């Protein structure tokens, strides 16, 4: 297992799925920034595995493109599997990326849209498997009793692809609804654009330990992102009994339906978002206490797809 990012969601993905299906893995971190060189144990392990034996799974296509470009690992492409999250901007064009991936043994995409895109670029369909993420049902589960606070939950780091300007516009127009933003960078965006103080908004710096409870107790999970591979938060919310209002990106079009959420177009306007949020707040009262994806997306299921 080769990963460029420590502490990222895909690190947890490969660890949890391997543990669930008893697959022995050797996780190696590829140094990609200054602080990487301060993690001495990880650095030593990387140098010991620069010529790995057996098959390797690169836990992100960008990591593999970096390895190809800089020749930092000696490995036969025919023994390489790649976890493809979504199209990456890199030194390589789309066509060059597809040629690199075509030499790999296997590519795992997180949704059928990305699989179709790769096929159109010339990657063999036989090399591509679609695998959805997994969740721990001991962590993400529904809340049967009603909580005292109703709120709309938004999670993730504040990036332009998350449409922060539209997020704050929605919050400003729904003053009778409480919002919680759970993620990094939102305070800075809030201050930088001198956004008027909202009495219906609470911003919390991301803390993984409180995320399951926030998901469980939310009335609606909202994501207006323009680009996602998953996102994992969609299945975390639905497994917690919380309906979602999400954009048509990643695996959302494949798993969101009338019984668990509303799928928005990527260019959704304010009125569409508000109407969807209000509808899903009403749905929460009906589905509270139910797993809205009915036990699907387990770590064991994912592990058996990528390791065996």
C-alpha atoms as a PDB file:
ATOM      1  CA  UNK A   1       0.000   0.000   0.000  1.00  0.00           C
ATOM      2  CA  UNK A   2       1.512   3.330  -1.026  1.00  0.00           C
ATOM      3  CA  UNK A   3       0.025   6.643   0.069  1.00  0.00           C
ATOM      4  CA  UNK A   4       1.157  10.247  -0.182  1.00  0.00           C
ATOM      5  CA  UNK A   5      -1.126  11.586   2.543  1.00  0.00           C
ATOM      6  CA  UNK A   6      -1.074  10.643   6.233  1.00  0.00           C
ATOM      7  CA  UNK A   7      -4.290  11.198   8.157  1.00  0.00           C
ATOM      8  CA  UNK A   8      -6.390  11.535   5.002  1.00  0.00           C
ATOM      9  CA  UNK A   9      -9.708   9.710   4.543  1.00  0.00           C
ATOM     10  CA  UNK A  10      -8.150   7.179   2.150  1.00  0.00           C
ATOM     11  CA  UNK A  11      -5.634   6.109   4.794  1.00  0.00           C
ATOM     12  CA  UNK A  12      -8.554   5.155   7.028  1.00  0.00           C
ATOM     13  CA  UNK A  13     -10.265   3.516   4.057  1.00  0.00           C
ATOM     14  CA  UNK A  14      -7.474   1.044   3.326  1.00  0.00           C
ATOM     15  CA  UNK A  15      -6.791   0.327   6.998  1.00  0.00           C
ATOM     16  CA  UNK A  16     -10.401  -0.240   8.019  1.00  0.00           C
ATOM     17  CA  UNK A  17     -11.248  -2.350   4.978  1.00  0.00           C
ATOM     18  CA  UNK A  18      -8.122  -4.493   5.428  1.00  0.00           C
ATOM     19  CA  UNK A  19      -8.917  -5.038   9.104  1.00  0.00           C
ATOM     20  CA  UNK A  20     -12.538  -5.966   8.344  1.00  0.00           C
ATOM     21  CA  UNK A  21     -11.577  -8.745   5.921  1.00  0.00           C
ATOM     22  CA  UNK A  22      -8.319  -9.800   7.638  1.00  0.00           C
ATOM     23  CA  UNK A  23      -6.104  -8.742   4.728  1.00  0.00           C
ATOM     24  CA  UNK A  24      -2.436  -8.273   5.718  1.00  0.00           C
ATOM     25  CA  UNK A  25      -1.144  -4.994   4.279  1.00  0.00           C
ATOM     26  CA  UNK A  26       2.093  -3.024   4.455  1.00  0.00           C
ATOM     27  CA  UNK A  27       1.248   0.691   4.425  1.00  0.00           C
ATOM     28  CA  UNK A  28       4.059   2.936   3.187  1.00  0.00           C
ATOM     29  CA  UNK A  29       3.873   6.743   3.125  1.00  0.00           C
ATOM     30  CA  UNK A  30       5.587   8.591   0.289  1.00  0.00           C
ATOM     31  CA  UNK A  31       7.121  11.880   1.525  1.00  0.00           C
ATOM     32  CA  UNK A  32       5.613  14.812  -0.346  1.00  0.00           C
ATOM     33  CA  UNK A  33       6.141  17.855   1.867  1.00  0.00           C
ATOM     34  CA  UNK A  34       8.647  19.177   4.416  1.00  0.00           C
ATOM     35  CA  UNK A  35       6.838  17.825   7.471  1.00  0.00           C
ATOM     36  CA  UNK A  36       6.880  14.354   5.877  1.00  0.00           C
ATOM     37  CA  UNK A  37      10.634  14.216   6.494  1.00  0.00           C
ATOM     38  CA  UNK A  38      10.106  14.781  10.227  1.00  0.00           C
ATOM     39  CA  UNK A  39       8.251  11.466  10.564  1.00  0.00           C
ATOM     40  CA  UNK A  40      11.403   9.381  10.875  1.00  0.00           C
ATOM     41  CA  UNK A  41       9.730   5.960  11.143  1.00  0.00           C
ATOM     42  CA  UNK A  42       7.619   6.589   8.039  1.00  0.00           C
ATOM     43  CA  UNK A  43      10.663   7.881   6.175  1.00  0.00           C
ATOM     44  CA  UNK A  44      12.779   4.822   7.025  1.00  0.00           C
ATOM     45  CA  UNK A  45       9.943   2.526   5.961  1.00  0.00           C
ATOM     46  CA  UNK A  46       9.658   4.375   2.648  1.00  0.00           C
ATOM     47  CA  UNK A  47      13.366   3.922   1.849  1.00  0.00           C
ATOM     48  CA  UNK A  48      13.117   0.241   2.771  1.00  0.00           C
ATOM     49  CA  UNK A  49      10.272  -0.213   0.273  1.00  0.00           C
ATOM     50  CA  UNK A  50      11.498   1.718  -2.762  1.00  0.00           C
ATOM     51  CA  UNK A  51      11.649  -1.573  -4.630  1.00  0.00           C
ATOM     52  CA  UNK A  52       8.511  -3.314  -3.332  1.00  0.00           C
ATOM     53  CA  UNK A  53       7.692  -6.967  -3.958  1.00  0.00           C
ATOM     54  CA  UNK A  54       4.234  -8.239  -4.823  1.00  0.00           C
ATOM     55  CA  UNK A  55       1.329  -6.070  -6.004  1.00  0.00           C
ATOM     56  CA  UNK A  56       1.000  -2.483  -4.842  1.00  0.00           C
ATOM     57  CA  UNK A  57      -2.105  -0.356  -4.361  1.00  0.00           C
ATOM     58  CA  UNK A  58      -1.517   3.364  -4.757  1.00  0.00           C
ATOM     59  CA  UNK A  59      -4.096   5.070  -2.563  1.00  0.00           C
ATOM     60  CA  UNK A  60      -4.629   7.945  -4.984  1.00  0.00           C
ATOM     61  CA  UNK A  61      -3.914   8.440  -8.677  1.00  0.00           C
ATOM     62  CA  UNK A  62      -1.947  11.652  -7.988  1.00  0.00           C
ATOM     63  CA  UNK A  63       0.468   9.652  -5.851  1.00  0.00           C
ATOM     64  CA  UNK A  64       1.090   7.229  -8.700  1.00  0.00           C
ATOM     65  CA  UNK A  65       1.528  10.021 -11.263  1.00  0.00           C
ATOM     66  CA  UNK A  66       4.140  11.586  -8.956  1.00  0.00           C
ATOM     67  CA  UNK A  67       5.969   8.251  -8.716  1.00  0.00           C
ATOM     68  CA  UNK A  68       5.964   7.867 -12.522  1.00  0.00           C
ATOM     69  CA  UNK A  69       7.135  11.436 -13.079  1.00  0.00           C
ATOM     70  CA  UNK A  70       9.944  11.412 -10.500  1.00  0.00           C
ATOM     71  CA  UNK A  71      10.873   7.701 -10.754  1.00  0.00           C
ATOM     72  CA  UNK A  72      11.093   7.467  -6.969  1.00  0.00           C
ATOM     73  CA  UNK A  73       9.932   3.853  -6.744  1.00  0.00           C
ATOM     74  CA  UNK A  74      11.137   0.929  -8.853  1.00  0.00           C
ATOM     75  CA  UNK A  75       8.027  -1.068  -9.686  1.00  0.00           C
ATOM     76  CA  UNK A  76       6.568  -2.893 -12.677  1.00  0.00           C
ATOM     77  CA  UNK A  77       3.315  -1.083 -13.747  1.00  0.00           C
ATOM     78  CA  UNK A  78       1.765  -4.506 -14.323  1.00  0.00           C
ATOM     79  CA  UNK A  79       1.830  -5.060 -10.544  1.00  0.00           C
ATOM     80  CA  UNK A  80       0.242  -1.693  -9.770  1.00  0.00           C
ATOM     81  CA  UNK A  81      -3.365  -1.140  -8.688  1.00  0.00           C
ATOM     82  CA  UNK A  82      -4.600   2.452  -8.371  1.00  0.00           C
ATOM     83  CA  UNK A  83      -7.406   3.863  -6.235  1.00  0.00           C
ATOM     84  CA  UNK A  84      -8.790   6.579  -8.543  1.00  0.00           C
ATOM     85  CA  UNK A  85     -10.685   9.272  -6.613  1.00  0.00           C
ATOM     86  CA  UNK A  86     -11.388  11.766  -9.425  1.00  0.00           C
ATOM     87  CA  UNK A  87      -9.610  13.551 -12.283  1.00  0.00           C
ATOM     88  CA  UNK A  88      -6.389  15.187 -11.118  1.00  0.00           C
ATOM     89  CA  UNK A  89      -4.749  18.314 -12.453  1.00  0.00           C
ATOM     90  CA  UNK A  90      -1.103  17.384 -12.890  1.00  0.00           C
ATOM     91  CA  UNK A  91       1.871  17.761 -15.213  1.00  0.00           C
ATOM     92  CA  UNK A  92       0.215  15.119 -17.385  1.00  0.00           C
ATOM     93  CA  UNK A  93      -2.668  15.747 -19.771  1.00  0.00           C
ATOM     94  CA  UNK A  94      -5.836  13.620 -19.566  1.00  0.00           C
ATOM     95  CA  UNK A  95      -4.588  11.493 -22.467  1.00  0.00           C
ATOM     96  CA  UNK A  96      -1.178  11.003 -20.842  1.00  0.00           C
ATOM     97  CA  UNK A  97      -2.841  10.054 -17.556  1.00  0.00           C
ATOM     98  CA  UNK A  98      -4.993   7.484 -19.325  1.00  0.00           C
ATOM     99  CA  UNK A  99      -1.918   5.975 -21.006  1.00  0.00           C
ATOM    100  CA  UNK A 100      -0.181   5.664 -17.634  1.00  0.00           C
ATOM    101  CA  UNK A 101      -3.241   4.059 -16.056  1.00  0.00           C
ATOM    102  CA  UNK A 102      -3.661   1.691 -19.019  1.00  0.00           C
ATOM    103  CA  UNK A 103      -0.386   0.024 -18.072  1.00  0.00           C
ATOM    104  CA  UNK A 104      -1.617  -0.731 -14.536  1.00  0.00           C
ATOM    105  CA  UNK A 105      -3.029  -4.048 -13.427  1.00  0.00           C
ATOM    106  CA  UNK A 106      -6.266  -2.649 -11.962  1.00  0.00           C
ATOM    107  CA  UNK A 107      -7.969   0.702 -11.383  1.00  0.00           C
ATOM    108  CA  UNK A 108     -10.617   1.192  -8.694  1.00  0.00           C
ATOM    109  CA  UNK A 109     -12.953   4.125  -9.300  1.00  0.00           C
ATOM    110  CA  UNK A 110     -15.451   5.380  -6.732  1.00  0.00           C
ATOM    111  CA  UNK A 111     -18.323   5.858  -9.173  1.00  0.00           C
ATOM    112  CA  UNK A 112     -19.494   4.879 -12.651  1.00  0.00           C
ATOM    113  CA  UNK A 113     -19.041   8.390 -14.075  1.00  0.00           C
ATOM    114  CA  UNK A 114     -15.267   8.237 -13.547  1.00  0.00           C
ATOM    115  CA  UNK A 115     -15.171   4.710 -14.966  1.00  0.00           C
ATOM    116  CA  UNK A 116     -16.957   5.903 -18.119  1.00  0.00           C
ATOM    117  CA  UNK A 117     -14.592   8.867 -18.447  1.00  0.00           C
ATOM    118  CA  UNK A 118     -11.534   6.617 -18.279  1.00  0.00           C
ATOM    119  CA  UNK A 119     -12.993   4.213 -20.844  1.00  0.00           C
ATOM    120  CA  UNK A 120     -13.648   7.120 -23.214  1.00  0.00           C
ATOM    121  CA  UNK A 121      -9.982   8.106 -22.807  1.00  0.00           C
ATOM    122  CA  UNK A 122      -8.883   4.634 -23.875  1.00  0.00           C
ATOM    123  CA  UNK A 123      -8.469   2.654 -20.647  1.00  0.00           C
ATOM    124  CA  UNK A 124      -9.735  -0.918 -20.995  1.00  0.00           C
ATOM    125  CA  UNK A 125     -13.058  -1.522 -19.233  1.00  0.00           C
ATOM    126  CA  UNK A 126     -11.692  -4.858 -17.984  1.00  0.00           C
ATOM    127  CA  UNK A 127      -9.112  -3.015 -15.892  1.00  0.00           C
ATOM    128  CA  UNK A 128     -11.662  -0.848 -14.052  1.00  0.00           C
ATOM    129  CA  UNK A 129     -13.792  -1.837 -11.069  1.00  0.00           C
ATOM    130  CA  UNK A 130     -16.216   0.495  -9.292  1.00  0.00           C
ATOM    131  CA  UNK A 131     -15.922   0.268  -5.490  1.00  0.00           C
ATOM    132  CA  UNK A 132     -17.890   2.380  -3.040  1.00  0.00           C
ATOM    133  CA  UNK A 133     -16.548   3.494   0.305  1.00  0.00           C
ATOM    134  CA  UNK A 134     -17.301   1.821   3.600  1.00  0.00           C
ATOM    135  CA  UNK A 135     -18.470   2.959   7.016  1.00  0.00           C
ATOM    136  CA  UNK A 136     -18.334   1.569  10.529  1.00  0.00           C
ATOM    137  CA  UNK A 137     -21.875   0.886  11.711  1.00  0.00           C
ATOM    138  CA  UNK A 138     -20.694   0.940  15.325  1.00  0.00           C
ATOM    139  CA  UNK A 139     -19.785   4.593  14.777  1.00  0.00           C
ATOM    140  CA  UNK A 140     -22.404   5.802  12.292  1.00  0.00           C
ATOM    141  CA  UNK A 141     -25.888   4.716  13.301  1.00  0.00           C
ATOM    142  CA  UNK A 142     -29.324   6.390  13.571  1.00  0.00           C
ATOM    143  CA  UNK A 143     -30.590   8.387  16.546  1.00  0.00           C
ATOM    144  CA  UNK A 144     -34.001   7.077  17.544  1.00  0.00           C
ATOM    145  CA  UNK A 145     -34.995   9.791  20.010  1.00  0.00           C
ATOM    146  CA  UNK A 146     -35.471  13.345  18.796  1.00  0.00           C
ATOM    147  CA  UNK A 147     -32.881  15.898  19.878  1.00  0.00           C
ATOM    148  CA  UNK A 148     -33.752  19.356  21.141  1.00  0.00           C
ATOM    149  CA  UNK A 149     -31.864  21.184  18.367  1.00  0.00           C
ATOM    150  CA  UNK A 150     -32.720  21.037  14.667  1.00  0.00           C
ATOM    151  CA  UNK A 151     -29.917  22.030  12.319  1.00  0.00           C
ATOM    152  CA  UNK A 152     -28.524  21.609   8.823  1.00  0.00           C
ATOM    153  CA  UNK A 153     -25.002  20.157   8.819  1.00  0.00           C
ATOM    154  CA  UNK A 154     -22.206  21.050   6.372  1.00  0.00           C
ATOM    155  CA  UNK A 155     -18.833  19.322   6.701  1.00  0.00           C
ATOM    156  CA  UNK A 156     -15.403  19.416   5.052  1.00  0.00           C
ATOM    157  CA  UNK A 157     -12.658  21.951   4.476  1.00  0.00           C
ATOM    158  CA  UNK A 158     -13.549  25.301   2.937  1.00  0.00           C
ATOM    159  CA  UNK A 159     -12.444  25.137  -0.710  1.00  0.00           C
ATOM    160  CA  UNK A 160     -13.772  26.871  -3.819  1.00  0.00           C
ATOM    161  CA  UNK A 161     -15.171  23.586  -5.156  1.00  0.00           C
ATOM    162  CA  UNK A 162     -17.332  23.437  -1.997  1.00  0.00           C
ATOM    163  CA  UNK A 163     -19.090  26.665  -3.159  1.00  0.00           C
ATOM    164  CA  UNK A 164     -18.672  28.627   0.100  1.00  0.00           C
ATOM    165  CA  UNK A 165     -20.272  31.781  -1.332  1.00  0.00           C
ATOM    166  CA  UNK A 166     -23.475  29.871  -2.138  1.00  0.00           C
ATOM    167  CA  UNK A 167     -23.362  28.190   1.283  1.00  0.00           C
ATOM    168  CA  UNK A 168     -23.344  31.545   3.069  1.00  0.00           C
ATOM    169  CA  UNK A 169     -26.041  32.896   0.761  1.00  0.00           C
ATOM    170  CA  UNK A 170     -28.289  29.958   1.725  1.00  0.00           C
ATOM    171  CA  UNK A 171     -27.603  30.531   5.421  1.00  0.00           C
ATOM    172  CA  UNK A 172     -28.414  34.234   5.110  1.00  0.00           C
ATOM    173  CA  UNK A 173     -31.758  33.481   3.437  1.00  0.00           C
ATOM    174  CA  UNK A 174     -32.822  30.768   5.900  1.00  0.00           C
ATOM    175  CA  UNK A 175     -32.629  32.737   9.134  1.00  0.00           C
ATOM    176  CA  UNK A 176     -35.261  30.517  10.738  1.00  0.00           C
ATOM    177  CA  UNK A 177     -33.044  27.416  10.306  1.00  0.00           C
ATOM    178  CA  UNK A 178     -29.892  26.677  12.310  1.00  0.00           C
ATOM    179  CA  UNK A 179     -26.706  25.641  10.492  1.00  0.00           C
ATOM    180  CA  UNK A 180     -23.537  23.977  11.739  1.00  0.00           C
ATOM    181  CA  UNK A 181     -20.398  23.998   9.582  1.00  0.00           C
ATOM    182  CA  UNK A 182     -17.913  21.371  10.750  1.00  0.00           C
ATOM    183  CA  UNK A 183     -14.592  21.822   8.965  1.00  0.00           C
ATOM    184  CA  UNK A 184     -11.408  23.800   8.529  1.00  0.00           C
ATOM    185  CA  UNK A 185     -10.972  27.168   6.823  1.00  0.00           C
ATOM    186  CA  UNK A 186     -14.533  28.464   7.155  1.00  0.00           C
ATOM    187  CA  UNK A 187     -13.696  31.015   9.870  1.00  0.00           C
ATOM    188  CA  UNK A 188     -11.037  32.501   7.576  1.00  0.00           C
ATOM    189  CA  UNK A 189     -13.412  32.691   4.604  1.00  0.00           C
ATOM    190  CA  UNK A 190     -16.070  34.235   6.849  1.00  0.00           C
ATOM    191  CA  UNK A 191     -13.682  36.986   8.017  1.00  0.00           C
ATOM    192  CA  UNK A 192     -11.954  37.542   4.669  1.00  0.00           C
ATOM    193  CA  UNK A 193     -15.191  38.471   2.935  1.00  0.00           C
ATOM    194  CA  UNK A 194     -16.503  40.412   5.932  1.00  0.00           C
ATOM    195  CA  UNK A 195     -19.694  38.372   5.992  1.00  0.00           C
ATOM    196  CA  UNK A 196     -22.354  39.780   8.297  1.00  0.00           C
ATOM    197  CA  UNK A 197     -22.711  37.846  11.527  1.00  0.00           C
ATOM    198  CA  UNK A 198     -25.375  35.147  11.348  1.00  0.00           C
ATOM    199  CA  UNK A 199     -27.264  34.262  14.505  1.00  0.00           C
ATOM    200  CA  UNK A 200     -28.270  30.933  12.937  1.00  0.00           C
ATOM    201  CA  UNK A 201     -24.719  29.695  12.235  1.00  0.00           C
ATOM    202  CA  UNK A 202     -22.140  27.854  14.324  1.00  0.00           C
ATOM    203  CA  UNK A 203     -18.710  27.027  12.837  1.00  0.00           C
ATOM    204  CA  UNK A 204     -16.741  24.195  14.483  1.00  0.00           C
ATOM    205  CA  UNK A 205     -13.174  23.277  13.545  1.00  0.00           C
ATOM    206  CA  UNK A 206     -13.160  19.675  12.354  1.00  0.00           C
ATOM    207  CA  UNK A 207     -12.964  17.066  15.098  1.00  0.00           C
ATOM    208  CA  UNK A 208     -13.410  13.462  13.964  1.00  0.00           C
ATOM    209  CA  UNK A 209     -14.602  12.351  17.391  1.00  0.00           C
ATOM    210  CA  UNK A 210     -17.738  14.514  17.328  1.00  0.00           C
ATOM    211  CA  UNK A 211     -18.553  13.989  13.632  1.00  0.00           C
ATOM    212  CA  UNK A 212     -20.751  10.865  14.102  1.00  0.00           C
ATOM    213  CA  UNK A 213     -22.927  12.584  16.715  1.00  0.00           C
ATOM    214  CA  UNK A 214     -23.294  15.684  14.550  1.00  0.00           C
ATOM    215  CA  UNK A 215     -24.365  13.465  11.636  1.00  0.00           C
ATOM    216  CA  UNK A 216     -26.884  11.554  13.775  1.00  0.00           C
ATOM    217  CA  UNK A 217     -28.526  14.609  15.290  1.00  0.00           C
ATOM    218  CA  UNK A 218     -28.671  16.743  12.128  1.00  0.00           C
ATOM    219  CA  UNK A 219     -31.997  17.332  10.391  1.00  0.00           C
ATOM    220  CA  UNK A 220     -30.307  17.452   6.972  1.00  0.00           C
ATOM    221  CA  UNK A 221     -26.801  16.977   5.602  1.00  0.00           C
ATOM    222  CA  UNK A 222     -25.988  19.581   2.906  1.00  0.00           C
ATOM    223  CA  UNK A 223     -23.183  19.479   0.331  1.00  0.00           C
ATOM    224  CA  UNK A 224     -22.949  21.881  -2.622  1.00  0.00           C
ATOM    225  CA  UNK A 225     -19.573  20.622  -3.847  1.00  0.00           C
ATOM    226  CA  UNK A 226     -18.767  20.796  -7.558  1.00  0.00           C
ATOM    227  CA  UNK A 227     -16.434  17.782  -7.528  1.00  0.00           C
ATOM    228  CA  UNK A 228     -16.165  14.686  -5.351  1.00  0.00           C
ATOM    229  CA  UNK A 229     -15.030  11.106  -5.758  1.00  0.00           C
ATOM    230  CA  UNK A 230     -17.449   9.940  -3.051  1.00  0.00           C
ATOM    231  CA  UNK A 231     -18.094  11.760  -0.879  1.00  0.00           C
ATOM    232  CA  UNK A 232     -17.964   9.571   2.213  1.00  0.00           C
ATOM    233  CA  UNK A 233     -20.037  12.106   4.120  1.00  0.00           C
ATOM    234  CA  UNK A 234     -23.102  11.238   2.036  1.00  0.00           C
ATOM    235  CA  UNK A 235     -23.121   7.618   3.203  1.00  0.00           C
ATOM    236  CA  UNK A 236     -22.128   8.592   6.751  1.00  0.00           C
ATOM    237  CA  UNK A 237     -25.180  10.857   6.975  1.00  0.00           C
ATOM    238  CA  UNK A 238     -27.619   8.357   5.459  1.00  0.00           C
ATOM    239  CA  UNK A 239     -26.361   5.512   7.659  1.00  0.00           C
ATOM    240  CA  UNK A 240     -27.010   7.849  10.592  1.00  0.00           C
ATOM    241  CA  UNK A 241     -30.634   8.319   9.564  1.00  0.00           C
ATOM    242  CA  UNK A 242     -30.105  11.827   8.214  1.00  0.00           C
ATOM    243  CA  UNK A 243     -31.477  12.726   4.755  1.00  0.00           C
ATOM    244  CA  UNK A 244     -29.095  14.489   2.383  1.00  0.00           C
ATOM    245  CA  UNK A 245     -29.235  17.411  -0.041  1.00  0.00           C
ATOM    246  CA  UNK A 246     -26.210  16.929  -2.295  1.00  0.00           C
ATOM    247  CA  UNK A 247     -25.002  17.817  -5.759  1.00  0.00           C
ATOM    248  CA  UNK A 248     -24.802  15.407  -8.677  1.00  0.00           C
ATOM    249  CA  UNK A 249     -21.122  14.537  -8.323  1.00  0.00           C
ATOM    250  CA  UNK A 250     -19.132  11.449  -7.344  1.00  0.00           C
ATOM    251  CA  UNK A 251     -21.253   8.471  -6.318  1.00  0.00           C
ATOM    252  CA  UNK A 252     -24.183  10.673  -5.240  1.00  0.00           C
ATOM    253  CA  UNK A 253     -26.247  10.030  -8.414  1.00  0.00           C
ATOM    254  CA  UNK A 254     -25.856   6.276  -7.843  1.00  0.00           C
ATOM    255  CA  UNK A 255     -26.968   6.098  -4.204  1.00  0.00           C
ATOM    256  CA  UNK A 256     -29.276   9.068  -3.506  1.00  0.00           C
ATOM    257  CA  UNK A 257     -32.994   8.508  -4.108  1.00  0.00           C
ATOM    258  CA  UNK A 258     -36.386   9.777  -2.963  1.00  0.00           C
ATOM    259  CA  UNK A 259     -36.233   7.750   0.241  1.00  0.00           C
ATOM    260  CA  UNK A 260     -32.960   9.193   1.515  1.00  0.00           C
ATOM    261  CA  UNK A 261     -32.326  12.575  -0.078  1.00  0.00           C
ATOM    262  CA  UNK A 262     -32.470  15.026  -2.943  1.00  0.00           C
ATOM    263  CA  UNK A 263     -29.935  15.252  -5.751  1.00  0.00           C
ATOM    264  CA  UNK A 264     -29.244  18.806  -6.951  1.00  0.00           C
ATOM    265  CA  UNK A 265     -27.769  19.843 -10.313  1.00  0.00           C
ATOM    266  CA  UNK A 266     -24.202  21.146 -10.101  1.00  0.00           C
ATOM    267  CA  UNK A 267     -25.458  24.627 -10.979  1.00  0.00           C
ATOM    268  CA  UNK A 268     -28.296  24.616  -8.441  1.00  0.00           C
ATOM    269  CA  UNK A 269     -29.652  28.042  -7.534  1.00  0.00           C
ATOM    270  CA  UNK A 270     -30.595  29.375  -4.116  1.00  0.00           C
ATOM    271  CA  UNK A 271     -34.303  28.603  -4.444  1.00  0.00           C
ATOM    272  CA  UNK A 272     -33.628  24.989  -5.443  1.00  0.00           C
ATOM    273  CA  UNK A 273     -31.352  24.456  -2.455  1.00  0.00           C
ATOM    274  CA  UNK A 274     -33.746  26.051   0.036  1.00  0.00           C
ATOM    275  CA  UNK A 275     -36.713  24.022  -1.239  1.00  0.00           C
ATOM    276  CA  UNK A 276     -34.691  20.805  -1.033  1.00  0.00           C
ATOM    277  CA  UNK A 277     -33.468  21.527   2.502  1.00  0.00           C
ATOM    278  CA  UNK A 278     -37.003  22.275   3.706  1.00  0.00           C
ATOM    279  CA  UNK A 279     -38.311  19.056   2.125  1.00  0.00           C
ATOM    280  CA  UNK A 280     -35.584  16.942   3.728  1.00  0.00           C
ATOM    281  CA  UNK A 281     -36.162  18.522   7.147  1.00  0.00           C
ATOM    282  CA  UNK A 282     -39.714  17.208   6.913  1.00  0.00           C
ATOM    283  CA  UNK A 283     -38.452  13.801   5.779  1.00  0.00           C
ATOM    284  CA  UNK A 284     -36.137  13.538   8.802  1.00  0.00           C
ATOM    285  CA  UNK A 285     -39.153  13.415  11.103  1.00  0.00           C
ATOM    286  CA  UNK A 286     -40.414  10.349   9.203  1.00  0.00           C
ATOM    287  CA  UNK A 287     -37.154   8.418   8.840  1.00  0.00           C
ATOM    288  CA  UNK A 288     -35.497   9.186  12.179  1.00  0.00           C
ATOM    289  CA  UNK A 289     -34.086   5.964  13.585  1.00  0.00           C
ATOM    290  CA  UNK A 290     -33.635   4.242  10.207  1.00  0.00           C
ATOM    291  CA  UNK A 291     -30.454   3.406   8.308  1.00  0.00           C
ATOM    292  CA  UNK A 292     -31.245   5.067   4.975  1.00  0.00           C
ATOM    293  CA  UNK A 293     -28.837   2.844   3.021  1.00  0.00           C
ATOM    294  CA  UNK A 294     -30.043  -0.358   4.672  1.00  0.00           C
ATOM    295  CA  UNK A 295     -26.730  -1.772   5.833  1.00  0.00           C
ATOM    296  CA  UNK A 296     -24.870  -1.308   2.543  1.00  0.00           C
ATOM    297  CA  UNK A 297     -21.310   0.011   2.170  1.00  0.00           C
ATOM    298  CA  UNK A 298     -19.491  -2.042   4.810  1.00  0.00           C
ATOM    299  CA  UNK A 299     -15.706  -2.053   5.262  1.00  0.00           C
ATOM    300  CA  UNK A 300     -15.648  -5.831   4.721  1.00  0.00           C
ATOM    301  CA  UNK A 301     -17.445  -5.474   1.378  1.00  0.00           C
ATOM    302  CA  UNK A 302     -14.914  -2.872   0.249  1.00  0.00           C
ATOM    303  CA  UNK A 303     -11.947  -4.879   1.478  1.00  0.00           C
ATOM    304  CA  UNK A 304     -12.972  -7.995  -0.431  1.00  0.00           C
ATOM    305  CA  UNK A 305     -13.308  -5.872  -3.574  1.00  0.00           C
ATOM    306  CA  UNK A 306      -9.827  -4.362  -3.460  1.00  0.00           C
ATOM    307  CA  UNK A 307      -7.702  -7.060  -1.770  1.00  0.00           C
ATOM    308  CA  UNK A 308      -9.049 -10.343  -3.138  1.00  0.00           C
END
